[in-house]
Amino acid sequence: MSDSWRSCHTCGRQVEIAPGQALGDALSGWAIVSRLRSKDSFDRCSFCSMSCLQQWAQTQVPVIPDIFLHSLNDSSCNL
């Protein structure tokens, strides 16, 4: 895909950026998230709606297995 197109990281919706059009005008209402990969690099993800951003964010959170959660009880967590 050329630099004149952007797509939603979740649903794949695409927007074309016309020659000379500001990125902010083309993506008005979109959310753009930058995520650090290392001290010198990052990923930039675009989302067409807050709903798509929320869906993506939920997939980034590790799931704790139920068996682990059920193995904990009040007595095992005495501080």
C-alpha atoms as a PDB file:
ATOM      1  CA  MET A   1       0.000   0.000   0.000  1.00  0.00           C
ATOM      2  CA  SER A   2       1.368   3.415  -0.864  1.00  0.00           C
ATOM      3  CA  ASP A   3       1.827   6.292   1.557  1.00  0.00           C
ATOM      4  CA  SER A   4      -1.362   7.877   0.184  1.00  0.00           C
ATOM      5  CA  TRP A   5      -3.542   5.284   1.936  1.00  0.00           C
ATOM      6  CA  ARG A   6      -4.142   4.553   5.613  1.00  0.00           C
ATOM      7  CA  SER A   7      -6.095   1.619   6.984  1.00  0.00           C
ATOM      8  CA  CYS A   8      -7.648   0.867  10.357  1.00  0.00           C
ATOM      9  CA  HIS A   9      -5.494  -1.584  12.285  1.00  0.00           C
ATOM     10  CA  THR A  10      -8.596  -3.425  13.547  1.00  0.00           C
ATOM     11  CA  CYS A  11     -11.268  -3.485  10.833  1.00  0.00           C
ATOM     12  CA  GLY A  12      -9.195  -2.640   7.752  1.00  0.00           C
ATOM     13  CA  ARG A  13     -11.254   0.383   6.682  1.00  0.00           C
ATOM     14  CA  GLN A  14      -9.165   2.434   4.258  1.00  0.00           C
ATOM     15  CA  VAL A  15      -8.850   6.164   3.641  1.00  0.00           C
ATOM     16  CA  GLU A  16      -7.032   7.738   0.729  1.00  0.00           C
ATOM     17  CA  ILE A  17      -5.026  10.858   1.406  1.00  0.00           C
ATOM     18  CA  ALA A  18      -5.272  13.165  -1.586  1.00  0.00           C
ATOM     19  CA  PRO A  19      -2.102  14.844  -2.877  1.00  0.00           C
ATOM     20  CA  GLY A  20      -1.498  17.977  -0.805  1.00  0.00           C
ATOM     21  CA  GLN A  21      -4.094  17.016   1.808  1.00  0.00           C
ATOM     22  CA  ALA A  22      -2.952  17.219   5.416  1.00  0.00           C
ATOM     23  CA  LEU A  23      -2.898  13.881   7.223  1.00  0.00           C
ATOM     24  CA  GLY A  24      -4.901  15.418  10.065  1.00  0.00           C
ATOM     25  CA  ASP A  25      -7.663  16.445   7.658  1.00  0.00           C
ATOM     26  CA  ALA A  26      -7.827  13.004   6.009  1.00  0.00           C
ATOM     27  CA  LEU A  27      -7.913  11.172   9.341  1.00  0.00           C
ATOM     28  CA  SER A  28     -10.188  13.544  11.232  1.00  0.00           C
ATOM     29  CA  GLY A  29     -11.912  11.543  13.968  1.00  0.00           C
ATOM     30  CA  TRP A  30      -9.420   8.674  13.807  1.00  0.00           C
ATOM     31  CA  ALA A  31      -7.166   7.655  16.696  1.00  0.00           C
ATOM     32  CA  ILE A  32      -3.447   7.110  16.124  1.00  0.00           C
ATOM     33  CA  VAL A  33      -1.397   5.220  18.713  1.00  0.00           C
ATOM     34  CA  SER A  34       2.388   5.052  18.821  1.00  0.00           C
ATOM     35  CA  ARG A  35       3.814   2.028  20.625  1.00  0.00           C
ATOM     36  CA  LEU A  36       7.516   1.814  21.496  1.00  0.00           C
ATOM     37  CA  ARG A  37       9.221  -1.355  20.292  1.00  0.00           C
ATOM     38  CA  SER A  38      12.675  -0.404  21.565  1.00  0.00           C
ATOM     39  CA  LYS A  39      14.463   2.779  22.510  1.00  0.00           C
ATOM     40  CA  ASP A  40      14.958   3.637  18.828  1.00  0.00           C
ATOM     41  CA  SER A  41      11.858   2.307  17.089  1.00  0.00           C
ATOM     42  CA  PHE A  42       8.107   2.390  17.390  1.00  0.00           C
ATOM     43  CA  ASP A  43       4.940   1.148  15.684  1.00  0.00           C
ATOM     44  CA  ARG A  44       2.190   3.547  14.700  1.00  0.00           C
ATOM     45  CA  CYS A  45      -1.327   2.114  14.532  1.00  0.00           C
ATOM     46  CA  SER A  46      -4.361   3.959  13.123  1.00  0.00           C
ATOM     47  CA  PHE A  47      -7.947   3.279  14.200  1.00  0.00           C
ATOM     48  CA  CYS A  48     -11.071   4.586  12.465  1.00  0.00           C
ATOM     49  CA  SER A  49     -13.081   4.687  15.701  1.00  0.00           C
ATOM     50  CA  MET A  50     -12.716   4.424  19.431  1.00  0.00           C
ATOM     51  CA  SER A  51     -14.515   1.087  19.214  1.00  0.00           C
ATOM     52  CA  CYS A  52     -11.768  -0.292  16.945  1.00  0.00           C
ATOM     53  CA  LEU A  53      -9.102   1.126  19.281  1.00  0.00           C
ATOM     54  CA  GLN A  54     -10.824  -0.529  22.251  1.00  0.00           C
ATOM     55  CA  GLN A  55     -10.992  -3.899  20.473  1.00  0.00           C
ATOM     56  CA  TRP A  56      -7.288  -3.690  19.602  1.00  0.00           C
ATOM     57  CA  ALA A  57      -6.315  -2.614  23.132  1.00  0.00           C
ATOM     58  CA  GLN A  58      -8.195  -5.568  24.631  1.00  0.00           C
ATOM     59  CA  THR A  59      -6.198  -7.973  22.455  1.00  0.00           C
ATOM     60  CA  GLN A  60      -2.953  -6.477  23.782  1.00  0.00           C
ATOM     61  CA  VAL A  61      -3.700  -7.410  27.402  1.00  0.00           C
ATOM     62  CA  PRO A  62      -2.504 -10.887  28.371  1.00  0.00           C
ATOM     63  CA  VAL A  63      -5.244 -13.214  29.552  1.00  0.00           C
ATOM     64  CA  ILE A  64      -4.741 -14.785  32.969  1.00  0.00           C
ATOM     65  CA  PRO A  65      -5.878 -18.420  32.892  1.00  0.00           C
ATOM     66  CA  ASP A  66      -8.952 -19.114  35.034  1.00  0.00           C
ATOM     67  CA  ILE A  67      -7.206 -22.041  36.733  1.00  0.00           C
ATOM     68  CA  PHE A  68      -4.600 -19.636  38.093  1.00  0.00           C
ATOM     69  CA  LEU A  69      -7.220 -17.171  39.291  1.00  0.00           C
ATOM     70  CA  HIS A  70      -9.206 -19.945  40.988  1.00  0.00           C
ATOM     71  CA  SER A  71      -6.107 -21.287  42.704  1.00  0.00           C
ATOM     72  CA  LEU A  72      -5.805 -18.060  44.662  1.00  0.00           C
ATOM     73  CA  ASN A  73      -7.874 -17.609  47.759  1.00  0.00           C
ATOM     74  CA  ASP A  74      -7.913 -15.123  50.582  1.00  0.00           C
ATOM     75  CA  SER A  75      -5.600 -17.204  52.775  1.00  0.00           C
ATOM     76  CA  SER A  76      -2.881 -17.522  50.125  1.00  0.00           C
ATOM     77  CA  CYS A  77      -2.533 -13.763  49.812  1.00  0.00           C
ATOM     78  CA  ASN A  78      -1.788 -12.778  53.399  1.00  0.00           C
ATOM     79  CA  LEU A  79       0.453  -9.754  53.516  1.00  0.00           C
END
